[in-house]
PDB file of all heavy atoms in Angstrom:
ATOM      1  N   TYR A   1       0.834  -1.218   0.029  1.00  0.00           N
ATOM      2  CA  TYR A   1      -0.015   0.008  -0.011  1.00  0.00           C
ATOM      3  C   TYR A   1       0.870   1.251  -0.018  1.00  0.00           C
ATOM      4  O   TYR A   1       0.580   2.236  -0.677  1.00  0.00           O
ATOM      5  CB  TYR A   1      -0.870   0.011   1.226  1.00  0.00           C
ATOM      6  CG  TYR A   1      -2.127  -0.875   1.053  1.00  0.00           C
ATOM      7  CD1 TYR A   1      -2.581  -1.701   1.989  1.00  0.00           C
ATOM      8  CD2 TYR A   1      -2.871  -0.700  -0.105  1.00  0.00           C
ATOM      9  CE1 TYR A   1      -3.650  -2.449   1.889  1.00  0.00           C
ATOM     10  CE2 TYR A   1      -4.016  -1.590  -0.279  1.00  0.00           C
ATOM     11  CZ  TYR A   1      -4.458  -2.400   0.727  1.00  0.00           C
ATOM     12  OH  TYR A   1      -5.567  -3.241   0.563  1.00  0.00           O
ATOM     13  N   GLU A   2       1.899   1.293   0.871  1.00  0.00           N
ATOM     14  CA  GLU A   2       2.761   2.459   0.802  1.00  0.00           C
ATOM     15  C   GLU A   2       3.391   2.717  -0.494  1.00  0.00           C
ATOM     16  O   GLU A   2       3.440   3.891  -0.969  1.00  0.00           O
ATOM     17  CB  GLU A   2       3.856   2.259   1.935  1.00  0.00           C
ATOM     18  CG  GLU A   2       3.333   2.194   3.242  1.00  0.00           C
ATOM     19  CD  GLU A   2       4.438   1.954   4.317  1.00  0.00           C
ATOM     20  OE1 GLU A   2       5.687   2.013   3.881  1.00  0.00           O
ATOM     21  OE2 GLU A   2       4.115   1.645   5.441  1.00  0.00           O
ATOM     22  N   ARG A   3       3.921   1.738  -1.201  1.00  0.00           N
ATOM     23  CA  ARG A   3       4.541   1.913  -2.478  1.00  0.00           C
ATOM     24  C   ARG A   3       3.424   2.386  -3.501  1.00  0.00           C
ATOM     25  O   ARG A   3       3.792   3.240  -4.333  1.00  0.00           O
ATOM     26  CB  ARG A   3       5.221   0.649  -2.988  1.00  0.00           C
ATOM     27  CG  ARG A   3       6.400   0.226  -2.207  1.00  0.00           C
ATOM     28  CD  ARG A   3       7.190  -0.750  -2.844  1.00  0.00           C
ATOM     29  NE  ARG A   3       6.530  -2.134  -2.889  1.00  0.00           N
ATOM     30  CZ  ARG A   3       6.626  -2.989  -1.956  1.00  0.00           C
ATOM     31  NH1 ARG A   3       7.348  -2.780  -0.937  1.00  0.00           N
ATOM     32  NH2 ARG A   3       5.881  -4.107  -2.073  1.00  0.00           N
ATOM     33  N   MET A   4       2.243   1.795  -3.423  1.00  0.00           N
ATOM     34  CA  MET A   4       1.262   2.254  -4.331  1.00  0.00           C
ATOM     35  C   MET A   4       0.861   3.678  -4.158  1.00  0.00           C
ATOM     36  O   MET A   4       0.610   4.424  -5.111  1.00  0.00           O
ATOM     37  CB  MET A   4      -0.064   1.376  -4.073  1.00  0.00           C
ATOM     38  CG  MET A   4       0.075  -0.013  -4.656  1.00  0.00           C
ATOM     39  SD  MET A   4      -1.251  -1.162  -4.177  1.00  0.00           S
ATOM     40  CE  MET A   4      -2.609  -0.317  -4.980  1.00  0.00           C
ATOM     41  N   ALA A   5       0.771   4.097  -2.843  1.00  0.00           N
ATOM     42  CA  ALA A   5       0.420   5.484  -2.532  1.00  0.00           C
ATOM     43  C   ALA A   5       1.468   6.435  -3.138  1.00  0.00           C
ATOM     44  O   ALA A   5       1.152   7.507  -3.739  1.00  0.00           O
ATOM     45  CB  ALA A   5       0.211   5.730  -1.008  1.00  0.00           C
ATOM     46  N   GLU A   6       2.735   6.129  -2.921  1.00  0.00           N
ATOM     47  CA  GLU A   6       3.731   7.005  -3.462  1.00  0.00           C
ATOM     48  C   GLU A   6       3.747   7.036  -5.010  1.00  0.00           C
ATOM     49  O   GLU A   6       3.889   8.115  -5.570  1.00  0.00           O
ATOM     50  CB  GLU A   6       5.158   6.511  -2.997  1.00  0.00           C
ATOM     51  CG  GLU A   6       5.392   6.564  -1.484  1.00  0.00           C
ATOM     52  CD  GLU A   6       6.730   5.963  -1.134  1.00  0.00           C
ATOM     53  OE1 GLU A   6       7.406   5.354  -2.001  1.00  0.00           O
ATOM     54  OE2 GLU A   6       7.024   6.052   0.130  1.00  0.00           O
ATOM     55  N   GLN A   7       3.513   5.915  -5.553  1.00  0.00           N
ATOM     56  CA  GLN A   7       3.398   5.888  -7.116  1.00  0.00           C
ATOM     57  C   GLN A   7       2.239   6.700  -7.588  1.00  0.00           C
ATOM     58  O   GLN A   7       2.310   7.450  -8.542  1.00  0.00           O
ATOM     59  CB  GLN A   7       3.336   4.377  -7.589  1.00  0.00           C
ATOM     60  CG  GLN A   7       3.314   4.271  -9.029  1.00  0.00           C
ATOM     61  CD  GLN A   7       3.190   2.858  -9.487  1.00  0.00           C
ATOM     62  OE1 GLN A   7       3.197   1.978  -8.712  1.00  0.00           O
ATOM     63  NE2 GLN A   7       3.100   2.660 -10.830  1.00  0.00           N
ATOM     64  N   GLN A   8       1.090   6.557  -6.883  1.00  0.00           N
ATOM     65  CA  GLN A   8      -0.131   7.304  -7.341  1.00  0.00           C
ATOM     66  C   GLN A   8       0.073   8.774  -7.205  1.00  0.00           C
ATOM     67  O   GLN A   8      -0.388   9.627  -8.020  1.00  0.00           O
ATOM     68  CB  GLN A   8      -1.313   6.847  -6.551  1.00  0.00           C
ATOM     69  CG  GLN A   8      -1.790   5.375  -6.949  1.00  0.00           C
ATOM     70  CD  GLN A   8      -2.938   5.002  -6.153  1.00  0.00           C
ATOM     71  OE1 GLN A   8      -3.313   5.555  -5.127  1.00  0.00           O
ATOM     72  NE2 GLN A   8      -3.616   3.876  -6.493  1.00  0.00           N
ATOM     73  N   TYR A   9       0.785   9.211  -6.066  1.00  0.00           N
ATOM     74  CA  TYR A   9       0.958  10.670  -5.858  1.00  0.00           C
ATOM     75  C   TYR A   9       1.866  11.236  -7.009  1.00  0.00           C
ATOM     76  O   TYR A   9       1.654  12.275  -7.442  1.00  0.00           O
ATOM     77  CB  TYR A   9       1.579  10.920  -4.498  1.00  0.00           C
ATOM     78  CG  TYR A   9       1.794  12.316  -4.181  1.00  0.00           C
ATOM     79  CD1 TYR A   9       0.701  13.105  -3.808  1.00  0.00           C
ATOM     80  CD2 TYR A   9       3.020  12.935  -4.228  1.00  0.00           C
ATOM     81  CE1 TYR A   9       0.900  14.543  -3.544  1.00  0.00           C
ATOM     82  CE2 TYR A   9       3.266  14.249  -4.041  1.00  0.00           C
ATOM     83  CZ  TYR A   9       2.197  15.053  -3.635  1.00  0.00           C
ATOM     84  OH  TYR A   9       2.309  16.371  -3.405  1.00  0.00           O
ATOM     85  N   GLN A  10       2.875  10.461  -7.371  1.00  0.00           N
ATOM     86  CA  GLN A  10       3.735  10.980  -8.421  1.00  0.00           C
ATOM     87  C   GLN A  10       3.021  11.044  -9.775  1.00  0.00           C
ATOM     88  O   GLN A  10       3.207  11.944 -10.532  1.00  0.00           O
ATOM     89  CB  GLN A  10       5.013  10.048  -8.559  1.00  0.00           C
ATOM     90  CG  GLN A  10       6.033  10.512  -9.615  1.00  0.00           C
ATOM     91  CD  GLN A  10       6.618  11.777  -9.241  1.00  0.00           C
ATOM     92  OE1 GLN A  10       6.952  12.077  -8.046  1.00  0.00           O
ATOM     93  NE2 GLN A  10       6.661  12.720 -10.138  1.00  0.00           N
ATOM     94  N   GLU A  11       2.180  10.065 -10.051  1.00  0.00           N
ATOM     95  CA  GLU A  11       1.346  10.054 -11.215  1.00  0.00           C
ATOM     96  C   GLU A  11       0.363  11.275 -11.256  1.00  0.00           C
ATOM     97  O   GLU A  11       0.154  11.922 -12.222  1.00  0.00           O
ATOM     98  CB  GLU A  11       0.567   8.873 -11.316  1.00  0.00           C
ATOM     99  CG  GLU A  11       1.484   7.572 -11.744  1.00  0.00           C
ATOM    100  CD  GLU A  11       0.611   6.252 -11.823  1.00  0.00           C
ATOM    101  OE1 GLU A  11      -0.542   6.329 -11.392  1.00  0.00           O
ATOM    102  OE2 GLU A  11       1.190   5.239 -12.162  1.00  0.00           O
ATOM    103  N   TYR A  12      -0.151  11.597  -9.942  1.00  0.00           N
ATOM    104  CA  TYR A  12      -1.090  12.652  -9.968  1.00  0.00           C
ATOM    105  C   TYR A  12      -0.313  14.006 -10.162  1.00  0.00           C
ATOM    106  O   TYR A  12      -0.879  14.881 -10.870  1.00  0.00           O
ATOM    107  CB  TYR A  12      -1.669  12.716  -8.449  1.00  0.00           C
ATOM    108  CG  TYR A  12      -2.474  14.022  -8.188  1.00  0.00           C
ATOM    109  CD1 TYR A  12      -3.758  14.147  -8.630  1.00  0.00           C
ATOM    110  CD2 TYR A  12      -1.943  14.935  -7.390  1.00  0.00           C
ATOM    111  CE1 TYR A  12      -4.510  15.196  -8.414  1.00  0.00           C
ATOM    112  CE2 TYR A  12      -2.697  16.187  -7.162  1.00  0.00           C
ATOM    113  CZ  TYR A  12      -3.934  16.172  -7.560  1.00  0.00           C
ATOM    114  OH  TYR A  12      -4.705  17.333  -7.371  1.00  0.00           O
ATOM    115  N   GLU A  13       0.897  14.133  -9.585  1.00  0.00           N
ATOM    116  CA  GLU A  13       1.643  15.376  -9.897  1.00  0.00           C
ATOM    117  C   GLU A  13       1.936  15.587 -11.434  1.00  0.00           C
ATOM    118  O   GLU A  13       1.782  16.593 -11.974  1.00  0.00           O
ATOM    119  CB  GLU A  13       2.914  15.419  -9.153  1.00  0.00           C
ATOM    120  CG  GLU A  13       2.784  15.724  -7.665  1.00  0.00           C
ATOM    121  CD  GLU A  13       4.076  16.017  -7.068  1.00  0.00           C
ATOM    122  OE1 GLU A  13       5.136  15.435  -7.420  1.00  0.00           O
ATOM    123  OE2 GLU A  13       4.209  16.841  -6.156  1.00  0.00           O
ATOM    124  N   ASN A  14       2.367  14.480 -12.030  1.00  0.00           N
ATOM    125  CA  ASN A  14       2.535  14.489 -13.534  1.00  0.00           C
ATOM    126  C   ASN A  14       1.357  14.918 -14.293  1.00  0.00           C
ATOM    127  O   ASN A  14       1.373  15.639 -15.238  1.00  0.00           O
ATOM    128  CB  ASN A  14       3.104  13.104 -13.985  1.00  0.00           C
ATOM    129  CG  ASN A  14       4.463  12.855 -13.404  1.00  0.00           C
ATOM    130  OD1 ASN A  14       5.205  13.699 -13.000  1.00  0.00           O
ATOM    131  ND2 ASN A  14       4.811  11.533 -13.379  1.00  0.00           N
ATOM    132  N   HIS A  15       0.226  14.262 -13.840  1.00  0.00           N
ATOM    133  CA  HIS A  15      -1.104  14.575 -14.541  1.00  0.00           C
ATOM    134  C   HIS A  15      -1.454  16.033 -14.397  1.00  0.00           C
ATOM    135  O   HIS A  15      -1.907  16.679 -15.342  1.00  0.00           O
ATOM    136  CB  HIS A  15      -2.175  13.732 -13.900  1.00  0.00           C
ATOM    137  CG  HIS A  15      -3.530  14.074 -14.413  1.00  0.00           C
ATOM    138  ND1 HIS A  15      -3.906  13.826 -15.692  1.00  0.00           N
ATOM    139  CD2 HIS A  15      -4.594  14.705 -13.823  1.00  0.00           C
ATOM    140  CE1 HIS A  15      -5.249  14.222 -15.802  1.00  0.00           C
ATOM    141  NE2 HIS A  15      -5.612  14.722 -14.709  1.00  0.00           N
ATOM    142  N   MET A  16      -1.289  16.622 -13.224  1.00  0.00           N
ATOM    143  CA  MET A  16      -1.622  18.083 -12.938  1.00  0.00           C
ATOM    144  C   MET A  16      -0.745  18.967 -13.752  1.00  0.00           C
ATOM    145  O   MET A  16      -1.171  19.971 -14.328  1.00  0.00           O
ATOM    146  CB  MET A  16      -1.521  18.398 -11.490  1.00  0.00           C
ATOM    147  CG  MET A  16      -2.549  17.691 -10.658  1.00  0.00           C
ATOM    148  SD  MET A  16      -4.231  18.136 -11.184  1.00  0.00           S
ATOM    149  CE  MET A  16      -4.268  19.881 -10.922  1.00  0.00           C
ATOM    150  N   PHE A  17       0.496  18.517 -13.956  1.00  0.00           N
ATOM    151  CA  PHE A  17       1.416  19.370 -14.718  1.00  0.00           C
ATOM    152  C   PHE A  17       1.021  19.343 -16.190  1.00  0.00           C
ATOM    153  O   PHE A  17       1.033  20.380 -16.892  1.00  0.00           O
ATOM    154  CB  PHE A  17       2.875  18.812 -14.603  1.00  0.00           C
ATOM    155  CG  PHE A  17       3.835  19.442 -15.444  1.00  0.00           C
ATOM    156  CD1 PHE A  17       4.396  20.704 -15.077  1.00  0.00           C
ATOM    157  CD2 PHE A  17       4.404  18.962 -16.641  1.00  0.00           C
ATOM    158  CE1 PHE A  17       5.307  21.370 -15.878  1.00  0.00           C
ATOM    159  CE2 PHE A  17       5.268  19.591 -17.397  1.00  0.00           C
ATOM    160  CZ  PHE A  17       5.766  20.822 -17.007  1.00  0.00           C
ATOM    161  N   GLU A  18       0.636  18.286 -16.691  1.00  0.00           N
ATOM    162  CA  GLU A  18       0.080  18.111 -17.998  1.00  0.00           C
ATOM    163  C   GLU A  18      -1.109  18.922 -18.301  1.00  0.00           C
ATOM    164  O   GLU A  18      -1.332  19.592 -19.299  1.00  0.00           O
ATOM    165  CB  GLU A  18      -0.072  16.642 -18.402  1.00  0.00           C
ATOM    166  CG  GLU A  18       1.194  15.829 -18.558  1.00  0.00           C
ATOM    167  CD  GLU A  18       0.925  14.330 -18.789  1.00  0.00           C
ATOM    168  OE1 GLU A  18      -0.302  13.971 -18.821  1.00  0.00           O
ATOM    169  OE2 GLU A  18       1.857  13.542 -18.986  1.00  0.00           O
ATOM    170  N   CYS A  19      -2.043  18.845 -17.279  1.00  0.00           N
ATOM    171  CA  CYS A  19      -3.349  19.600 -17.397  1.00  0.00           C
ATOM    172  C   CYS A  19      -2.986  21.102 -17.423  1.00  0.00           C
ATOM    173  O   CYS A  19      -3.661  21.816 -18.230  1.00  0.00           O
ATOM    174  CB  CYS A  19      -4.213  19.309 -16.155  1.00  0.00           C
ATOM    175  SG  CYS A  19      -4.925  17.691 -16.221  1.00  0.00           S
ATOM    176  N   GLU A  20      -2.060  21.618 -16.673  1.00  0.00           N
ATOM    177  CA  GLU A  20      -1.797  22.974 -16.669  1.00  0.00           C
ATOM    178  C   GLU A  20      -1.238  23.438 -18.020  1.00  0.00           C
ATOM    179  O   GLU A  20      -1.513  24.536 -18.545  1.00  0.00           O
ATOM    180  CB  GLU A  20      -0.691  23.292 -15.576  1.00  0.00           C
ATOM    181  CG  GLU A  20      -1.349  23.283 -14.134  1.00  0.00           C
ATOM    182  CD  GLU A  20      -0.339  23.438 -13.091  1.00  0.00           C
ATOM    183  OE1 GLU A  20       0.866  23.567 -13.340  1.00  0.00           O
ATOM    184  OE2 GLU A  20      -0.657  23.470 -11.877  1.00  0.00           O
ATOM    185  N   GLU A  21      -0.309  22.575 -18.578  1.00  0.00           N
ATOM    186  CA  GLU A  21       0.184  22.887 -19.918  1.00  0.00           C
ATOM    187  C   GLU A  21      -0.908  22.922 -20.992  1.00  0.00           C
ATOM    188  O   GLU A  21      -0.909  23.787 -21.859  1.00  0.00           O
ATOM    189  CB  GLU A  21       1.242  21.927 -20.289  1.00  0.00           C
ATOM    190  CG  GLU A  21       2.550  22.029 -19.577  1.00  0.00           C
ATOM    191  CD  GLU A  21       3.753  21.353 -20.287  1.00  0.00           C
ATOM    192  OE1 GLU A  21       3.458  20.417 -20.956  1.00  0.00           O
ATOM    193  OE2 GLU A  21       4.829  21.783 -20.245  1.00  0.00           O
ATOM    194  N   MET A  22      -1.875  21.948 -20.874  1.00  0.00           N
ATOM    195  CA  MET A  22      -2.937  21.911 -21.786  1.00  0.00           C
ATOM    196  C   MET A  22      -3.835  23.098 -21.758  1.00  0.00           C
ATOM    197  O   MET A  22      -4.291  23.676 -22.733  1.00  0.00           O
ATOM    198  CB  MET A  22      -3.758  20.674 -21.554  1.00  0.00           C
ATOM    199  CG  MET A  22      -4.872  20.395 -22.522  1.00  0.00           C
ATOM    200  SD  MET A  22      -4.263  20.173 -24.285  1.00  0.00           S
ATOM    201  CE  MET A  22      -3.432  18.708 -24.235  1.00  0.00           C
ATOM    202  N   GLN A  23      -4.096  23.598 -20.440  1.00  0.00           N
ATOM    203  CA  GLN A  23      -4.925  24.733 -20.230  1.00  0.00           C
ATOM    204  C   GLN A  23      -4.278  25.962 -20.846  1.00  0.00           C
ATOM    205  O   GLN A  23      -4.853  26.926 -21.452  1.00  0.00           O
ATOM    206  CB  GLN A  23      -5.222  24.991 -18.804  1.00  0.00           C
ATOM    207  CG  GLN A  23      -6.218  24.019 -18.264  1.00  0.00           C
ATOM    208  CD  GLN A  23      -6.437  24.273 -16.827  1.00  0.00           C
ATOM    209  OE1 GLN A  23      -5.859  25.080 -16.182  1.00  0.00           O
ATOM    210  NE2 GLN A  23      -7.488  23.628 -16.277  1.00  0.00           N
ATOM    211  N   ALA A  24      -3.027  26.064 -20.721  1.00  0.00           N
ATOM    212  CA  ALA A  24      -2.189  27.183 -21.313  1.00  0.00           C
ATOM    213  C   ALA A  24      -2.393  27.170 -22.858  1.00  0.00           C
ATOM    214  O   ALA A  24      -2.464  28.231 -23.424  1.00  0.00           O
ATOM    215  CB  ALA A  24      -0.696  27.117 -20.968  1.00  0.00           C
ATOM    216  N   LEU A  25      -2.320  26.025 -23.453  1.00  0.00           N
ATOM    217  CA  LEU A  25      -2.518  25.897 -24.951  1.00  0.00           C
ATOM    218  C   LEU A  25      -3.901  26.269 -25.364  1.00  0.00           C
ATOM    219  O   LEU A  25      -4.149  26.909 -26.381  1.00  0.00           O
ATOM    220  CB  LEU A  25      -2.139  24.471 -25.335  1.00  0.00           C
ATOM    221  CG  LEU A  25      -0.672  24.030 -25.339  1.00  0.00           C
ATOM    222  CD1 LEU A  25      -0.473  22.577 -25.629  1.00  0.00           C
ATOM    223  CD2 LEU A  25       0.136  24.926 -26.265  1.00  0.00           C
ATOM    224  N   LEU A  26      -4.814  25.820 -24.422  1.00  0.00           N
ATOM    225  CA  LEU A  26      -6.267  26.036 -24.962  1.00  0.00           C
ATOM    226  C   LEU A  26      -6.713  27.424 -24.744  1.00  0.00           C
ATOM    227  O   LEU A  26      -7.424  27.971 -25.496  1.00  0.00           O
ATOM    228  CB  LEU A  26      -7.134  25.124 -24.099  1.00  0.00           C
ATOM    229  CG  LEU A  26      -6.966  23.571 -24.522  1.00  0.00           C
ATOM    230  CD1 LEU A  26      -7.866  22.738 -23.538  1.00  0.00           C
ATOM    231  CD2 LEU A  26      -7.492  23.297 -25.885  1.00  0.00           C
ATOM    232  N   PHE A  27      -6.381  28.026 -23.558  1.00  0.00           N
ATOM    233  CA  PHE A  27      -7.040  29.313 -23.288  1.00  0.00           C
ATOM    234  C   PHE A  27      -6.192  30.500 -23.331  1.00  0.00           C
ATOM    235  O   PHE A  27      -6.766  31.728 -23.151  1.00  0.00           O
ATOM    236  CB  PHE A  27      -7.649  29.122 -21.788  1.00  0.00           C
ATOM    237  CG  PHE A  27      -8.620  28.095 -21.611  1.00  0.00           C
ATOM    238  CD1 PHE A  27      -8.264  26.949 -20.896  1.00  0.00           C
ATOM    239  CD2 PHE A  27      -9.793  28.181 -22.276  1.00  0.00           C
ATOM    240  CE1 PHE A  27      -9.209  25.925 -20.765  1.00  0.00           C
ATOM    241  CE2 PHE A  27     -10.742  27.127 -22.185  1.00  0.00           C
ATOM    242  CZ  PHE A  27     -10.493  26.033 -21.466  1.00  0.00           C
ATOM    243  N   GLU A  28      -4.984  30.517 -23.569  1.00  0.00           N
ATOM    244  CA  GLU A  28      -4.166  31.691 -23.848  1.00  0.00           C
ATOM    245  C   GLU A  28      -4.069  31.894 -25.350  1.00  0.00           C
ATOM    246  O   GLU A  28      -3.177  31.631 -25.968  1.00  0.00           O
ATOM    247  CB  GLU A  28      -2.757  31.484 -23.238  1.00  0.00           C
ATOM    248  CG  GLU A  28      -2.723  31.462 -21.734  1.00  0.00           C
ATOM    249  CD  GLU A  28      -1.308  31.336 -21.182  1.00  0.00           C
ATOM    250  OE1 GLU A  28      -0.361  31.441 -21.953  1.00  0.00           O
ATOM    251  OE2 GLU A  28      -1.184  31.099 -20.022  1.00  0.00           O
ATOM    252  N   ALA A  29      -5.272  32.324 -25.859  1.00  0.00           N
ATOM    253  CA  ALA A  29      -5.419  32.387 -27.289  1.00  0.00           C
ATOM    254  C   ALA A  29      -4.484  33.418 -27.893  1.00  0.00           C
ATOM    255  O   ALA A  29      -4.148  33.442 -29.129  1.00  0.00           O
ATOM    256  CB  ALA A  29      -6.821  32.787 -27.585  1.00  0.00           C
ATOM    257  N   SER A  30      -4.041  34.360 -27.071  1.00  0.00           N
ATOM    258  CA  SER A  30      -3.236  35.399 -27.643  1.00  0.00           C
ATOM    259  C   SER A  30      -1.831  34.898 -28.088  1.00  0.00           C
ATOM    260  O   SER A  30      -1.115  35.526 -28.850  1.00  0.00           O
ATOM    261  CB  SER A  30      -3.017  36.506 -26.508  1.00  0.00           C
ATOM    262  OG  SER A  30      -2.379  35.902 -25.382  1.00  0.00           O
ATOM    263  N   ALA A  31      -1.532  33.789 -27.599  1.00  0.00           N
ATOM    264  CA  ALA A  31      -0.273  33.114 -28.013  1.00  0.00           C
ATOM    265  C   ALA A  31      -0.295  32.427 -29.345  1.00  0.00           C
ATOM    266  O   ALA A  31       0.748  31.981 -29.878  1.00  0.00           O
ATOM    267  CB  ALA A  31       0.200  32.110 -26.890  1.00  0.00           C
ATOM    268  N   TRP A  32      -1.486  32.408 -29.891  1.00  0.00           N
ATOM    269  CA  TRP A  32      -1.597  31.778 -31.201  1.00  0.00           C
ATOM    270  C   TRP A  32      -2.102  32.770 -32.242  1.00  0.00           C
ATOM    271  O   TRP A  32      -2.716  33.765 -31.894  1.00  0.00           O
ATOM    272  CB  TRP A  32      -2.603  30.641 -31.073  1.00  0.00           C
ATOM    273  CG  TRP A  32      -2.057  29.577 -30.126  1.00  0.00           C
ATOM    274  CD1 TRP A  32      -2.141  29.567 -28.781  1.00  0.00           C
ATOM    275  CD2 TRP A  32      -1.416  28.392 -30.470  1.00  0.00           C
ATOM    276  NE1 TRP A  32      -1.611  28.445 -28.260  1.00  0.00           N
ATOM    277  CE2 TRP A  32      -1.089  27.675 -29.269  1.00  0.00           C
ATOM    278  CE3 TRP A  32      -0.895  27.851 -31.721  1.00  0.00           C
ATOM    279  CZ2 TRP A  32      -0.355  26.472 -29.302  1.00  0.00           C
ATOM    280  CZ3 TRP A  32      -0.235  26.635 -31.656  1.00  0.00           C
ATOM    281  CH2 TRP A  32       0.018  26.006 -30.423  1.00  0.00           C
ATOM    282  N   ARG A  33      -2.082  32.467 -33.495  1.00  0.00           N
ATOM    283  CA  ARG A  33      -2.482  33.306 -34.456  1.00  0.00           C
ATOM    284  C   ARG A  33      -3.646  32.772 -35.251  1.00  0.00           C
ATOM    285  O   ARG A  33      -3.599  31.549 -35.595  1.00  0.00           O
ATOM    286  CB  ARG A  33      -1.362  33.610 -35.519  1.00  0.00           C
ATOM    287  CG  ARG A  33      -0.127  34.242 -34.933  1.00  0.00           C
ATOM    288  CD  ARG A  33       0.832  34.757 -36.049  1.00  0.00           C
ATOM    289  NE  ARG A  33       1.110  33.651 -36.961  1.00  0.00           N
ATOM    290  CZ  ARG A  33       2.198  32.829 -36.794  1.00  0.00           C
ATOM    291  NH1 ARG A  33       2.966  32.965 -35.765  1.00  0.00           N
ATOM    292  NH2 ARG A  33       2.451  31.927 -37.681  1.00  0.00           N
ATOM    293  N   GLY A  34      -4.596  33.586 -35.557  1.00  0.00           N
ATOM    294  CA  GLY A  34      -5.714  33.201 -36.554  1.00  0.00           C
ATOM    295  C   GLY A  34      -6.359  31.952 -36.293  1.00  0.00           C
ATOM    296  O   GLY A  34      -6.783  31.569 -35.142  1.00  0.00           O
TER     297      GLY A  34
END
């Protein structure tokens, strides 16, 4: 259980980092053209 918890927490951090990058791509429209 301990190893699983550590692994899941790391996966969660990676997932949140990817989500933040995706939001930047999606909603910062000024960074894109036309």
